[in-house]
Amino acid sequence: MKSNSVPIRIQDVARAAGVSVSTVSRVLNGRDDVAADTVQRVQRIIDDLGYSSSLAAKSMRSQRTNVIGVIIFDLSLSFCLEVVRGIDQAVKAHTYDLMIFSSNRANHRDDPTWEHKVVAQLNGSIVDGIIAVTPTTVDLPTNSPLVTIDPVDGGNFPSVLSTNHEGTLEAVRYLIDLGHRCIGFIGGRPSLLSARQRQQGYADAHKQAGLPILPELYFEGDYSRDVALIGARRLLTLPERPSAIMAANDQSAFAVLEVADELQIAVPQDLSLIGFDNTPESAYTSPPLTTVDQSIVAMGSRAAELLIQMVEGRAVENDLYQLPTRLVVRGSCVRAQG
């Protein structure tokens, strides 16, 4: 049978199969009170006509769509792609489907309520639950299950993030153990809990080593390349520039490598560098980047597992789930000179 541009209705399936609309509905909902040969015939007609039942209609009938929604700003970022990969692994294992809502944050600089609007649109309609990745707000209006990854705060919904403080503390200690005493820091988006925890890890490593925290060595970034480029130029053109830089994410570390190359500052000979994330690209920079692994894929999987647990009516034990970090030592750090 040939398809056309006219939407196929459930009535068209019933007519072609020679059965009632209610029989088609029972087949679509997996009911076991339909004869096997009728099920096969209806399924064949569905495939031939290319009919797909509306998710919204399915939700109204059964209160479930078996679809998980993900709200994420920029899928071009490796961090976001790895998170989605983890979510997808868990969703597939539980036979759910995945629907992604993405928008470049730059398109919504004047509209900080984008996530609020999307959650309101999805609430109780075409998805069973929502995962919001690095949201800009805790004000997300939903009666449906919702989990956040790398939240603004650890408050309103179950959230997943890494042990950001401990990871940064370990990384800066490693630089101090290599003899570095002038260590710059390019921070992340300050509204996010992860960025504040990483900044505190940087500060605590200095305090524990008895080193002063110099304000000129700290640059408040936002996890983006463009802002990190500004921070890298500021740090690397100081009269007494740092011998090492800790970047709050790999994207910012890549920006430091770019600026160091422009200024003919050799990494690691003249500048040691550490990132945070352990994105796939970090192993292939020149030199390979020493970074903090925060199990990004596992964060996505854990968030999806939590959400599915909530969708299926099972209670979750905690509001905040932290996955352990580990320092991955590669070639971008050496012992301080002199």
C-alpha atoms as a PDB file:
ATOM      1  CA  MET A   1       0.000   0.000   0.000  1.00  0.00           C
ATOM      2  CA  LYS A   2       1.266   3.463  -0.848  1.00  0.00           C
ATOM      3  CA  SER A   3       1.505   6.172   1.734  1.00  0.00           C
ATOM      4  CA  ASN A   4       0.416   9.740   1.119  1.00  0.00           C
ATOM      5  CA  SER A   5       0.605  13.103   2.857  1.00  0.00           C
ATOM      6  CA  VAL A   6      -2.751  12.667   4.608  1.00  0.00           C
ATOM      7  CA  PRO A   7      -2.276  11.578   8.256  1.00  0.00           C
ATOM      8  CA  ILE A   8      -3.276   7.965   8.840  1.00  0.00           C
ATOM      9  CA  ARG A   9      -6.010   7.595  11.463  1.00  0.00           C
ATOM     10  CA  ILE A  10      -6.875   4.615  13.632  1.00  0.00           C
ATOM     11  CA  GLN A  11     -10.149   4.403  11.673  1.00  0.00           C
ATOM     12  CA  ASP A  12      -8.146   3.861   8.452  1.00  0.00           C
ATOM     13  CA  VAL A  13      -6.290   0.951  10.063  1.00  0.00           C
ATOM     14  CA  ALA A  14      -9.550  -0.601  11.278  1.00  0.00           C
ATOM     15  CA  ARG A  15     -11.178  -0.274   7.840  1.00  0.00           C
ATOM     16  CA  ALA A  16      -8.186  -1.814   6.012  1.00  0.00           C
ATOM     17  CA  ALA A  17      -7.945  -4.694   8.497  1.00  0.00           C
ATOM     18  CA  GLY A  18     -11.683  -5.327   8.553  1.00  0.00           C
ATOM     19  CA  VAL A  19     -11.963  -4.940  12.306  1.00  0.00           C
ATOM     20  CA  SER A  20     -13.391  -2.391  14.730  1.00  0.00           C
ATOM     21  CA  VAL A  21     -11.540   0.648  16.045  1.00  0.00           C
ATOM     22  CA  SER A  22     -11.679  -0.855  19.545  1.00  0.00           C
ATOM     23  CA  THR A  23      -9.906  -3.998  18.256  1.00  0.00           C
ATOM     24  CA  VAL A  24      -7.096  -1.876  16.778  1.00  0.00           C
ATOM     25  CA  SER A  25      -6.873   0.003  20.078  1.00  0.00           C
ATOM     26  CA  ARG A  26      -6.556  -3.261  22.014  1.00  0.00           C
ATOM     27  CA  VAL A  27      -3.765  -4.408  19.665  1.00  0.00           C
ATOM     28  CA  LEU A  28      -1.931  -1.088  20.110  1.00  0.00           C
ATOM     29  CA  ASN A  29      -2.167  -1.414  23.888  1.00  0.00           C
ATOM     30  CA  GLY A  30      -0.923  -5.009  23.905  1.00  0.00           C
ATOM     31  CA  ARG A  31      -4.137  -6.505  25.253  1.00  0.00           C
ATOM     32  CA  ASP A  32      -4.269 -10.304  25.291  1.00  0.00           C
ATOM     33  CA  ASP A  33      -7.963 -10.606  24.421  1.00  0.00           C
ATOM     34  CA  VAL A  34      -7.428 -10.435  20.630  1.00  0.00           C
ATOM     35  CA  ALA A  35      -6.923 -13.539  18.474  1.00  0.00           C
ATOM     36  CA  ALA A  36      -3.344 -14.084  17.310  1.00  0.00           C
ATOM     37  CA  ASP A  37      -4.201 -14.025  13.603  1.00  0.00           C
ATOM     38  CA  THR A  38      -6.120 -10.757  14.091  1.00  0.00           C
ATOM     39  CA  VAL A  39      -3.154  -9.226  15.901  1.00  0.00           C
ATOM     40  CA  GLN A  40      -0.845 -10.216  13.045  1.00  0.00           C
ATOM     41  CA  ARG A  41      -3.240  -8.787  10.436  1.00  0.00           C
ATOM     42  CA  VAL A  42      -3.650  -5.493  12.282  1.00  0.00           C
ATOM     43  CA  GLN A  43       0.104  -5.171  12.858  1.00  0.00           C
ATOM     44  CA  ARG A  44       0.722  -5.797   9.154  1.00  0.00           C
ATOM     45  CA  ILE A  45      -1.754  -3.069   8.192  1.00  0.00           C
ATOM     46  CA  ILE A  46      -0.171  -0.688  10.724  1.00  0.00           C
ATOM     47  CA  ASP A  47       3.245  -1.294   9.164  1.00  0.00           C
ATOM     48  CA  ASP A  48       1.934  -0.957   5.603  1.00  0.00           C
ATOM     49  CA  LEU A  49       0.091   2.281   6.298  1.00  0.00           C
ATOM     50  CA  GLY A  50       2.849   3.725   8.489  1.00  0.00           C
ATOM     51  CA  TYR A  51       0.381   4.455  11.284  1.00  0.00           C
ATOM     52  CA  SER A  52       1.744   5.573  14.635  1.00  0.00           C
ATOM     53  CA  SER A  53      -0.415   6.204  17.659  1.00  0.00           C
ATOM     54  CA  SER A  54      -0.146   9.692  19.126  1.00  0.00           C
ATOM     55  CA  LEU A  55       1.957   9.756  22.298  1.00  0.00           C
ATOM     56  CA  ALA A  56      -0.424  12.252  23.836  1.00  0.00           C
ATOM     57  CA  ALA A  57      -3.398  10.008  23.063  1.00  0.00           C
ATOM     58  CA  LYS A  58      -1.557   7.004  24.452  1.00  0.00           C
ATOM     59  CA  SER A  59      -0.863   8.962  27.634  1.00  0.00           C
ATOM     60  CA  MET A  60      -4.530   9.819  28.039  1.00  0.00           C
ATOM     61  CA  ARG A  61      -5.517   6.163  27.597  1.00  0.00           C
ATOM     62  CA  SER A  62      -2.946   4.493  29.809  1.00  0.00           C
ATOM     63  CA  GLN A  63      -1.326   7.345  31.826  1.00  0.00           C
ATOM     64  CA  ARG A  64       2.028   6.141  30.451  1.00  0.00           C
ATOM     65  CA  THR A  65       3.938   6.706  27.211  1.00  0.00           C
ATOM     66  CA  ASN A  66       7.166   4.836  28.074  1.00  0.00           C
ATOM     67  CA  VAL A  67       9.072   7.888  26.847  1.00  0.00           C
ATOM     68  CA  ILE A  68      11.736   9.740  28.860  1.00  0.00           C
ATOM     69  CA  GLY A  69      12.321  13.406  28.029  1.00  0.00           C
ATOM     70  CA  VAL A  70      15.723  15.095  28.269  1.00  0.00           C
ATOM     71  CA  ILE A  71      16.115  18.887  28.341  1.00  0.00           C
ATOM     72  CA  ILE A  72      19.619  19.914  27.352  1.00  0.00           C
ATOM     73  CA  PHE A  73      21.021  23.136  25.929  1.00  0.00           C
ATOM     74  CA  ASP A  74      23.800  22.309  23.514  1.00  0.00           C
ATOM     75  CA  LEU A  75      24.354  18.874  21.992  1.00  0.00           C
ATOM     76  CA  SER A  76      27.511  20.088  20.258  1.00  0.00           C
ATOM     77  CA  LEU A  77      29.345  19.908  23.608  1.00  0.00           C
ATOM     78  CA  SER A  78      31.113  16.660  24.362  1.00  0.00           C
ATOM     79  CA  PHE A  79      29.905  16.734  27.987  1.00  0.00           C
ATOM     80  CA  CYS A  80      26.271  16.842  26.820  1.00  0.00           C
ATOM     81  CA  LEU A  81      26.792  14.071  24.273  1.00  0.00           C
ATOM     82  CA  GLU A  82      28.367  11.804  26.891  1.00  0.00           C
ATOM     83  CA  VAL A  83      25.522  12.490  29.336  1.00  0.00           C
ATOM     84  CA  VAL A  84      22.963  11.593  26.664  1.00  0.00           C
ATOM     85  CA  ARG A  85      24.919   8.435  25.844  1.00  0.00           C
ATOM     86  CA  GLY A  86      24.616   7.350  29.476  1.00  0.00           C
ATOM     87  CA  ILE A  87      20.913   8.180  29.608  1.00  0.00           C
ATOM     88  CA  ASP A  88      20.334   6.251  26.392  1.00  0.00           C
ATOM     89  CA  GLN A  89      22.067   3.144  27.759  1.00  0.00           C
ATOM     90  CA  ALA A  90      19.782   3.018  30.800  1.00  0.00           C
ATOM     91  CA  VAL A  91      16.638   3.879  28.858  1.00  0.00           C
ATOM     92  CA  LYS A  92      17.243   1.088  26.352  1.00  0.00           C
ATOM     93  CA  ALA A  93      17.893  -1.420  29.117  1.00  0.00           C
ATOM     94  CA  HIS A  94      14.448  -0.643  30.537  1.00  0.00           C
ATOM     95  CA  THR A  95      12.720  -0.638  27.111  1.00  0.00           C
ATOM     96  CA  TYR A  96      11.802   3.036  27.281  1.00  0.00           C
ATOM     97  CA  ASP A  97      12.191   5.501  24.411  1.00  0.00           C
ATOM     98  CA  LEU A  98      14.116   8.765  24.578  1.00  0.00           C
ATOM     99  CA  MET A  99      13.025  12.224  23.431  1.00  0.00           C
ATOM    100  CA  ILE A 100      15.573  15.076  23.497  1.00  0.00           C
ATOM    101  CA  PHE A 101      14.751  18.780  23.652  1.00  0.00           C
ATOM    102  CA  SER A 102      17.815  20.857  22.859  1.00  0.00           C
ATOM    103  CA  SER A 103      18.516  24.538  22.422  1.00  0.00           C
ATOM    104  CA  ASN A 104      21.743  26.484  22.238  1.00  0.00           C
ATOM    105  CA  ARG A 105      21.968  28.566  25.410  1.00  0.00           C
ATOM    106  CA  ALA A 106      23.011  31.604  23.307  1.00  0.00           C
ATOM    107  CA  ASN A 107      19.562  31.636  21.696  1.00  0.00           C
ATOM    108  CA  HIS A 108      17.962  32.148  25.106  1.00  0.00           C
ATOM    109  CA  ARG A 109      20.196  34.673  26.847  1.00  0.00           C
ATOM    110  CA  ASP A 110      17.172  36.969  27.156  1.00  0.00           C
ATOM    111  CA  ASP A 111      14.831  34.118  28.069  1.00  0.00           C
ATOM    112  CA  PRO A 112      16.102  32.363  31.205  1.00  0.00           C
ATOM    113  CA  THR A 113      12.738  30.618  31.583  1.00  0.00           C
ATOM    114  CA  TRP A 114      13.251  28.288  28.580  1.00  0.00           C
ATOM    115  CA  GLU A 115      13.446  25.166  30.728  1.00  0.00           C
ATOM    116  CA  HIS A 116      10.426  26.341  32.724  1.00  0.00           C
ATOM    117  CA  LYS A 117       8.380  26.578  29.516  1.00  0.00           C
ATOM    118  CA  VAL A 118       9.517  23.218  28.142  1.00  0.00           C
ATOM    119  CA  VAL A 119       8.811  21.406  31.411  1.00  0.00           C
ATOM    120  CA  ALA A 120       5.353  23.007  31.563  1.00  0.00           C
ATOM    121  CA  GLN A 121       4.641  21.852  27.993  1.00  0.00           C
ATOM    122  CA  LEU A 122       5.767  18.281  28.669  1.00  0.00           C
ATOM    123  CA  ASN A 123       4.228  17.959  32.115  1.00  0.00           C
ATOM    124  CA  GLY A 124       1.908  14.960  32.158  1.00  0.00           C
ATOM    125  CA  SER A 125       1.612  14.741  28.364  1.00  0.00           C
ATOM    126  CA  ILE A 126       4.014  13.008  26.002  1.00  0.00           C
ATOM    127  CA  VAL A 127       6.731  11.895  28.435  1.00  0.00           C
ATOM    128  CA  ASP A 128       6.579   9.920  31.668  1.00  0.00           C
ATOM    129  CA  GLY A 129       9.380  11.914  33.277  1.00  0.00           C
ATOM    130  CA  ILE A 130      12.086  14.478  32.554  1.00  0.00           C
ATOM    131  CA  ILE A 131      15.857  14.764  33.018  1.00  0.00           C
ATOM    132  CA  ALA A 132      17.116  18.372  33.016  1.00  0.00           C
ATOM    133  CA  VAL A 133      20.860  18.726  32.326  1.00  0.00           C
ATOM    134  CA  THR A 134      22.667  21.749  33.876  1.00  0.00           C
ATOM    135  CA  PRO A 135      19.410  23.681  34.356  1.00  0.00           C
ATOM    136  CA  THR A 136      19.457  27.436  34.924  1.00  0.00           C
ATOM    137  CA  THR A 137      16.713  27.363  37.555  1.00  0.00           C
ATOM    138  CA  VAL A 138      15.230  25.259  40.339  1.00  0.00           C
ATOM    139  CA  ASP A 139      11.767  26.571  39.460  1.00  0.00           C
ATOM    140  CA  LEU A 140      10.624  23.728  37.213  1.00  0.00           C
ATOM    141  CA  PRO A 141       6.831  23.321  37.356  1.00  0.00           C
ATOM    142  CA  THR A 142       6.027  19.637  37.166  1.00  0.00           C
ATOM    143  CA  ASN A 143       3.842  17.045  38.809  1.00  0.00           C
ATOM    144  CA  SER A 144       5.688  14.326  36.899  1.00  0.00           C
ATOM    145  CA  PRO A 145       8.999  12.766  38.001  1.00  0.00           C
ATOM    146  CA  LEU A 146      12.014  14.970  37.294  1.00  0.00           C
ATOM    147  CA  VAL A 147      15.751  14.486  37.900  1.00  0.00           C
ATOM    148  CA  THR A 148      18.500  17.063  37.349  1.00  0.00           C
ATOM    149  CA  ILE A 149      22.129  16.503  36.324  1.00  0.00           C
ATOM    150  CA  ASP A 150      24.645  19.102  37.560  1.00  0.00           C
ATOM    151  CA  PRO A 151      21.966  21.266  39.182  1.00  0.00           C
ATOM    152  CA  VAL A 152      21.918  24.900  40.224  1.00  0.00           C
ATOM    153  CA  ASP A 153      21.405  23.637  43.770  1.00  0.00           C
ATOM    154  CA  GLY A 154      20.831  20.287  45.364  1.00  0.00           C
ATOM    155  CA  GLY A 155      17.302  21.182  46.406  1.00  0.00           C
ATOM    156  CA  ASN A 156      13.985  20.630  44.706  1.00  0.00           C
ATOM    157  CA  PHE A 157      14.464  17.383  42.766  1.00  0.00           C
ATOM    158  CA  PRO A 158      16.695  14.300  42.980  1.00  0.00           C
ATOM    159  CA  SER A 159      20.010  15.318  41.433  1.00  0.00           C
ATOM    160  CA  VAL A 160      23.153  13.654  40.115  1.00  0.00           C
ATOM    161  CA  LEU A 161      26.632  15.162  40.049  1.00  0.00           C
ATOM    162  CA  SER A 162      30.202  14.141  40.781  1.00  0.00           C
ATOM    163  CA  THR A 163      32.415  14.663  43.828  1.00  0.00           C
ATOM    164  CA  ASN A 164      33.520  17.991  42.369  1.00  0.00           C
ATOM    165  CA  HIS A 165      35.235  19.329  45.481  1.00  0.00           C
ATOM    166  CA  GLU A 166      37.287  16.195  46.047  1.00  0.00           C
ATOM    167  CA  GLY A 167      38.220  15.935  42.366  1.00  0.00           C
ATOM    168  CA  THR A 168      39.516  19.493  42.175  1.00  0.00           C
ATOM    169  CA  LEU A 169      41.230  19.179  45.542  1.00  0.00           C
ATOM    170  CA  GLU A 170      43.130  16.111  44.309  1.00  0.00           C
ATOM    171  CA  ALA A 171      44.105  17.798  41.040  1.00  0.00           C
ATOM    172  CA  VAL A 172      45.434  20.992  42.650  1.00  0.00           C
ATOM    173  CA  ARG A 173      47.294  18.938  45.281  1.00  0.00           C
ATOM    174  CA  TYR A 174      48.937  17.069  42.416  1.00  0.00           C
ATOM    175  CA  LEU A 175      50.168  20.374  40.954  1.00  0.00           C
ATOM    176  CA  ILE A 176      51.406  21.491  44.372  1.00  0.00           C
ATOM    177  CA  ASP A 177      53.249  18.184  44.814  1.00  0.00           C
ATOM    178  CA  LEU A 178      54.948  18.888  41.469  1.00  0.00           C
ATOM    179  CA  GLY A 179      56.311  22.081  43.003  1.00  0.00           C
ATOM    180  CA  HIS A 180      53.870  24.595  41.511  1.00  0.00           C
ATOM    181  CA  ARG A 181      53.148  27.536  43.794  1.00  0.00           C
ATOM    182  CA  CYS A 182      51.525  29.957  41.328  1.00  0.00           C
ATOM    183  CA  ILE A 183      48.429  28.120  40.078  1.00  0.00           C
ATOM    184  CA  GLY A 184      45.729  29.843  38.054  1.00  0.00           C
ATOM    185  CA  PHE A 185      42.105  28.761  38.044  1.00  0.00           C
ATOM    186  CA  ILE A 186      39.423  29.212  35.373  1.00  0.00           C
ATOM    187  CA  GLY A 187      36.057  28.564  37.003  1.00  0.00           C
ATOM    188  CA  GLY A 188      32.711  27.353  35.714  1.00  0.00           C
ATOM    189  CA  ARG A 189      29.198  28.810  35.598  1.00  0.00           C
ATOM    190  CA  PRO A 190      28.875  30.182  39.146  1.00  0.00           C
ATOM    191  CA  SER A 191      25.157  29.404  39.474  1.00  0.00           C
ATOM    192  CA  LEU A 192      25.888  25.681  39.215  1.00  0.00           C
ATOM    193  CA  LEU A 193      26.637  23.675  42.328  1.00  0.00           C
ATOM    194  CA  SER A 194      29.486  21.901  40.507  1.00  0.00           C
ATOM    195  CA  ALA A 195      31.283  25.180  39.746  1.00  0.00           C
ATOM    196  CA  ARG A 196      31.078  26.344  43.340  1.00  0.00           C
ATOM    197  CA  GLN A 197      32.334  22.991  44.610  1.00  0.00           C
ATOM    198  CA  ARG A 198      35.285  23.037  42.195  1.00  0.00           C
ATOM    199  CA  GLN A 199      36.227  26.571  43.208  1.00  0.00           C
ATOM    200  CA  GLN A 200      36.131  25.503  46.854  1.00  0.00           C
ATOM    201  CA  GLY A 201      38.361  22.521  46.063  1.00  0.00           C
ATOM    202  CA  TYR A 202      40.917  24.883  44.495  1.00  0.00           C
ATOM    203  CA  ALA A 203      40.790  27.148  47.545  1.00  0.00           C
ATOM    204  CA  ASP A 204      40.992  24.311  50.075  1.00  0.00           C
ATOM    205  CA  ALA A 205      44.037  22.761  48.374  1.00  0.00           C
ATOM    206  CA  HIS A 206      45.845  26.078  48.782  1.00  0.00           C
ATOM    207  CA  LYS A 207      44.787  26.449  52.416  1.00  0.00           C
ATOM    208  CA  GLN A 208      45.908  22.923  53.272  1.00  0.00           C
ATOM    209  CA  ALA A 209      49.315  23.599  51.692  1.00  0.00           C
ATOM    210  CA  GLY A 210      49.664  26.958  53.435  1.00  0.00           C
ATOM    211  CA  LEU A 211      49.647  28.830  50.110  1.00  0.00           C
ATOM    212  CA  PRO A 212      47.998  32.223  49.614  1.00  0.00           C
ATOM    213  CA  ILE A 213      44.941  32.450  47.339  1.00  0.00           C
ATOM    214  CA  LEU A 214      45.739  35.340  45.010  1.00  0.00           C
ATOM    215  CA  PRO A 215      42.656  36.983  43.438  1.00  0.00           C
ATOM    216  CA  GLU A 216      44.492  37.767  40.190  1.00  0.00           C
ATOM    217  CA  LEU A 217      44.983  34.018  39.620  1.00  0.00           C
ATOM    218  CA  TYR A 218      41.246  33.319  39.699  1.00  0.00           C
ATOM    219  CA  PHE A 219      39.010  33.907  36.675  1.00  0.00           C
ATOM    220  CA  GLU A 220      35.264  33.314  36.835  1.00  0.00           C
ATOM    221  CA  GLY A 221      34.284  31.445  33.678  1.00  0.00           C
ATOM    222  CA  ASP A 222      31.062  29.768  32.584  1.00  0.00           C
ATOM    223  CA  TYR A 223      32.318  26.413  31.227  1.00  0.00           C
ATOM    224  CA  SER A 224      32.310  27.803  27.659  1.00  0.00           C
ATOM    225  CA  ARG A 225      35.266  28.032  25.278  1.00  0.00           C
ATOM    226  CA  ASP A 226      34.722  31.705  24.419  1.00  0.00           C
ATOM    227  CA  VAL A 227      34.774  32.925  28.012  1.00  0.00           C
ATOM    228  CA  ALA A 228      37.686  30.617  28.863  1.00  0.00           C
ATOM    229  CA  LEU A 229      39.695  32.165  26.030  1.00  0.00           C
ATOM    230  CA  ILE A 230      39.340  35.541  27.771  1.00  0.00           C
ATOM    231  CA  GLY A 231      40.392  34.020  31.081  1.00  0.00           C
ATOM    232  CA  ALA A 232      43.371  32.210  29.568  1.00  0.00           C
ATOM    233  CA  ARG A 233      44.678  35.411  27.941  1.00  0.00           C
ATOM    234  CA  ARG A 234      44.267  37.308  31.192  1.00  0.00           C
ATOM    235  CA  LEU A 235      46.156  34.692  33.225  1.00  0.00           C
ATOM    236  CA  LEU A 236      48.887  34.059  30.656  1.00  0.00           C
ATOM    237  CA  THR A 237      49.688  37.764  30.168  1.00  0.00           C
ATOM    238  CA  LEU A 238      50.062  38.572  33.872  1.00  0.00           C
ATOM    239  CA  PRO A 239      53.423  40.160  34.769  1.00  0.00           C
ATOM    240  CA  GLU A 240      54.033  37.057  36.886  1.00  0.00           C
ATOM    241  CA  ARG A 241      52.045  34.445  35.018  1.00  0.00           C
ATOM    242  CA  PRO A 242      51.111  31.129  36.639  1.00  0.00           C
ATOM    243  CA  SER A 243      53.285  28.071  36.132  1.00  0.00           C
ATOM    244  CA  ALA A 244      50.139  25.920  36.134  1.00  0.00           C
ATOM    245  CA  ILE A 245      46.410  26.324  35.462  1.00  0.00           C
ATOM    246  CA  MET A 246      43.491  24.274  36.750  1.00  0.00           C
ATOM    247  CA  ALA A 247      40.500  24.603  34.408  1.00  0.00           C
ATOM    248  CA  ALA A 248      37.028  23.803  35.742  1.00  0.00           C
ATOM    249  CA  ASN A 249      36.201  21.717  32.653  1.00  0.00           C
ATOM    250  CA  ASP A 250      37.971  20.253  29.641  1.00  0.00           C
ATOM    251  CA  GLN A 251      36.395  22.807  27.282  1.00  0.00           C
ATOM    252  CA  SER A 252      38.100  25.581  29.247  1.00  0.00           C
ATOM    253  CA  ALA A 253      41.381  23.632  29.281  1.00  0.00           C
ATOM    254  CA  PHE A 254      41.244  23.351  25.491  1.00  0.00           C
ATOM    255  CA  ALA A 255      40.922  27.151  25.369  1.00  0.00           C
ATOM    256  CA  VAL A 256      44.048  27.469  27.534  1.00  0.00           C
ATOM    257  CA  LEU A 257      45.960  25.230  25.096  1.00  0.00           C
ATOM    258  CA  GLU A 258      44.819  27.453  22.231  1.00  0.00           C
ATOM    259  CA  VAL A 259      45.937  30.683  23.891  1.00  0.00           C
ATOM    260  CA  ALA A 260      49.223  29.160  25.092  1.00  0.00           C
ATOM    261  CA  ASP A 261      49.993  28.177  21.509  1.00  0.00           C
ATOM    262  CA  GLU A 262      49.232  31.726  20.294  1.00  0.00           C
ATOM    263  CA  LEU A 263      51.556  33.179  22.956  1.00  0.00           C
ATOM    264  CA  GLN A 264      54.255  30.570  22.263  1.00  0.00           C
ATOM    265  CA  ILE A 265      54.007  29.172  25.783  1.00  0.00           C
ATOM    266  CA  ALA A 266      54.872  25.486  25.643  1.00  0.00           C
ATOM    267  CA  VAL A 267      52.670  22.989  27.480  1.00  0.00           C
ATOM    268  CA  PRO A 268      53.874  21.305  29.661  1.00  0.00           C
ATOM    269  CA  GLN A 269      57.431  22.724  29.574  1.00  0.00           C
ATOM    270  CA  ASP A 270      56.376  26.294  30.415  1.00  0.00           C
ATOM    271  CA  LEU A 271      52.856  25.661  31.707  1.00  0.00           C
ATOM    272  CA  SER A 272      51.243  22.667  33.373  1.00  0.00           C
ATOM    273  CA  LEU A 273      47.533  22.245  32.742  1.00  0.00           C
ATOM    274  CA  ILE A 274      44.684  20.168  34.201  1.00  0.00           C
ATOM    275  CA  GLY A 275      41.067  19.978  33.037  1.00  0.00           C
ATOM    276  CA  PHE A 276      37.926  18.443  34.503  1.00  0.00           C
ATOM    277  CA  ASP A 277      35.524  15.984  32.784  1.00  0.00           C
ATOM    278  CA  ASN A 278      37.717  13.460  30.933  1.00  0.00           C
ATOM    279  CA  THR A 279      35.801  13.968  27.704  1.00  0.00           C
ATOM    280  CA  PRO A 280      36.955  11.717  24.835  1.00  0.00           C
ATOM    281  CA  GLU A 281      38.843  14.602  23.166  1.00  0.00           C
ATOM    282  CA  SER A 282      41.048  15.144  26.220  1.00  0.00           C
ATOM    283  CA  ALA A 283      43.154  12.076  25.382  1.00  0.00           C
ATOM    284  CA  TYR A 284      43.938  13.409  21.882  1.00  0.00           C
ATOM    285  CA  THR A 285      45.084  16.982  22.520  1.00  0.00           C
ATOM    286  CA  SER A 286      48.745  17.872  22.134  1.00  0.00           C
ATOM    287  CA  PRO A 287      49.939  17.075  24.705  1.00  0.00           C
ATOM    288  CA  PRO A 288      47.264  14.693  26.020  1.00  0.00           C
ATOM    289  CA  LEU A 289      45.389  16.472  28.793  1.00  0.00           C
ATOM    290  CA  THR A 290      45.669  15.525  32.436  1.00  0.00           C
ATOM    291  CA  THR A 291      42.111  15.798  33.719  1.00  0.00           C
ATOM    292  CA  VAL A 292      39.643  14.767  36.396  1.00  0.00           C
ATOM    293  CA  ASP A 293      37.356  11.962  35.308  1.00  0.00           C
ATOM    294  CA  GLN A 294      33.811  12.515  36.588  1.00  0.00           C
ATOM    295  CA  SER A 295      32.169   9.483  34.955  1.00  0.00           C
ATOM    296  CA  ILE A 296      29.922  11.544  32.682  1.00  0.00           C
ATOM    297  CA  VAL A 297      28.301   8.527  31.030  1.00  0.00           C
ATOM    298  CA  ALA A 298      27.609   7.013  34.453  1.00  0.00           C
ATOM    299  CA  MET A 299      26.019  10.292  35.570  1.00  0.00           C
ATOM    300  CA  GLY A 300      23.567  10.060  32.678  1.00  0.00           C
ATOM    301  CA  SER A 301      22.828   6.406  33.388  1.00  0.00           C
ATOM    302  CA  ARG A 302      22.322   7.041  37.099  1.00  0.00           C
ATOM    303  CA  ALA A 303      19.918   9.908  36.413  1.00  0.00           C
ATOM    304  CA  ALA A 304      17.890   7.747  34.027  1.00  0.00           C
ATOM    305  CA  GLU A 305      17.777   4.865  36.507  1.00  0.00           C
ATOM    306  CA  LEU A 306      16.521   7.225  39.211  1.00  0.00           C
ATOM    307  CA  LEU A 307      13.879   8.710  36.933  1.00  0.00           C
ATOM    308  CA  ILE A 308      12.590   5.316  35.787  1.00  0.00           C
ATOM    309  CA  GLN A 309      12.461   4.214  39.435  1.00  0.00           C
ATOM    310  CA  MET A 310      10.252   7.239  40.172  1.00  0.00           C
ATOM    311  CA  VAL A 311       8.099   6.730  37.047  1.00  0.00           C
ATOM    312  CA  GLU A 312       7.415   3.169  38.151  1.00  0.00           C
ATOM    313  CA  GLY A 313       6.294   4.310  41.596  1.00  0.00           C
ATOM    314  CA  ARG A 314       9.352   3.250  43.571  1.00  0.00           C
ATOM    315  CA  ALA A 315      10.804   5.663  46.122  1.00  0.00           C
ATOM    316  CA  VAL A 316      14.348   7.044  45.775  1.00  0.00           C
ATOM    317  CA  GLU A 317      16.552   7.056  48.864  1.00  0.00           C
ATOM    318  CA  ASN A 318      18.382  10.371  48.518  1.00  0.00           C
ATOM    319  CA  ASP A 319      17.968  13.805  46.964  1.00  0.00           C
ATOM    320  CA  LEU A 320      21.616  14.108  45.906  1.00  0.00           C
ATOM    321  CA  TYR A 321      23.686  11.354  44.271  1.00  0.00           C
ATOM    322  CA  GLN A 322      27.414  11.983  43.861  1.00  0.00           C
ATOM    323  CA  LEU A 323      29.618   9.804  41.669  1.00  0.00           C
ATOM    324  CA  PRO A 324      33.321   9.506  42.541  1.00  0.00           C
ATOM    325  CA  THR A 325      36.008  11.322  40.573  1.00  0.00           C
ATOM    326  CA  ARG A 326      39.574  10.264  39.803  1.00  0.00           C
ATOM    327  CA  LEU A 327      42.616  12.077  38.470  1.00  0.00           C
ATOM    328  CA  VAL A 328      43.739  10.865  35.025  1.00  0.00           C
ATOM    329  CA  VAL A 329      47.426  11.736  34.608  1.00  0.00           C
ATOM    330  CA  ARG A 330      48.596  12.271  31.021  1.00  0.00           C
ATOM    331  CA  GLY A 331      51.196  14.525  29.460  1.00  0.00           C
ATOM    332  CA  SER A 332      50.147  18.098  30.223  1.00  0.00           C
ATOM    333  CA  CYS A 333      51.877  18.451  33.620  1.00  0.00           C
ATOM    334  CA  VAL A 334      55.543  18.427  34.648  1.00  0.00           C
ATOM    335  CA  ARG A 335      57.490  19.359  37.734  1.00  0.00           C
ATOM    336  CA  ALA A 336      57.852  23.114  38.254  1.00  0.00           C
ATOM    337  CA  GLN A 337      61.119  24.646  37.101  1.00  0.00           C
ATOM    338  CA  GLY A 338      63.485  26.269  39.553  1.00  0.00           C
END
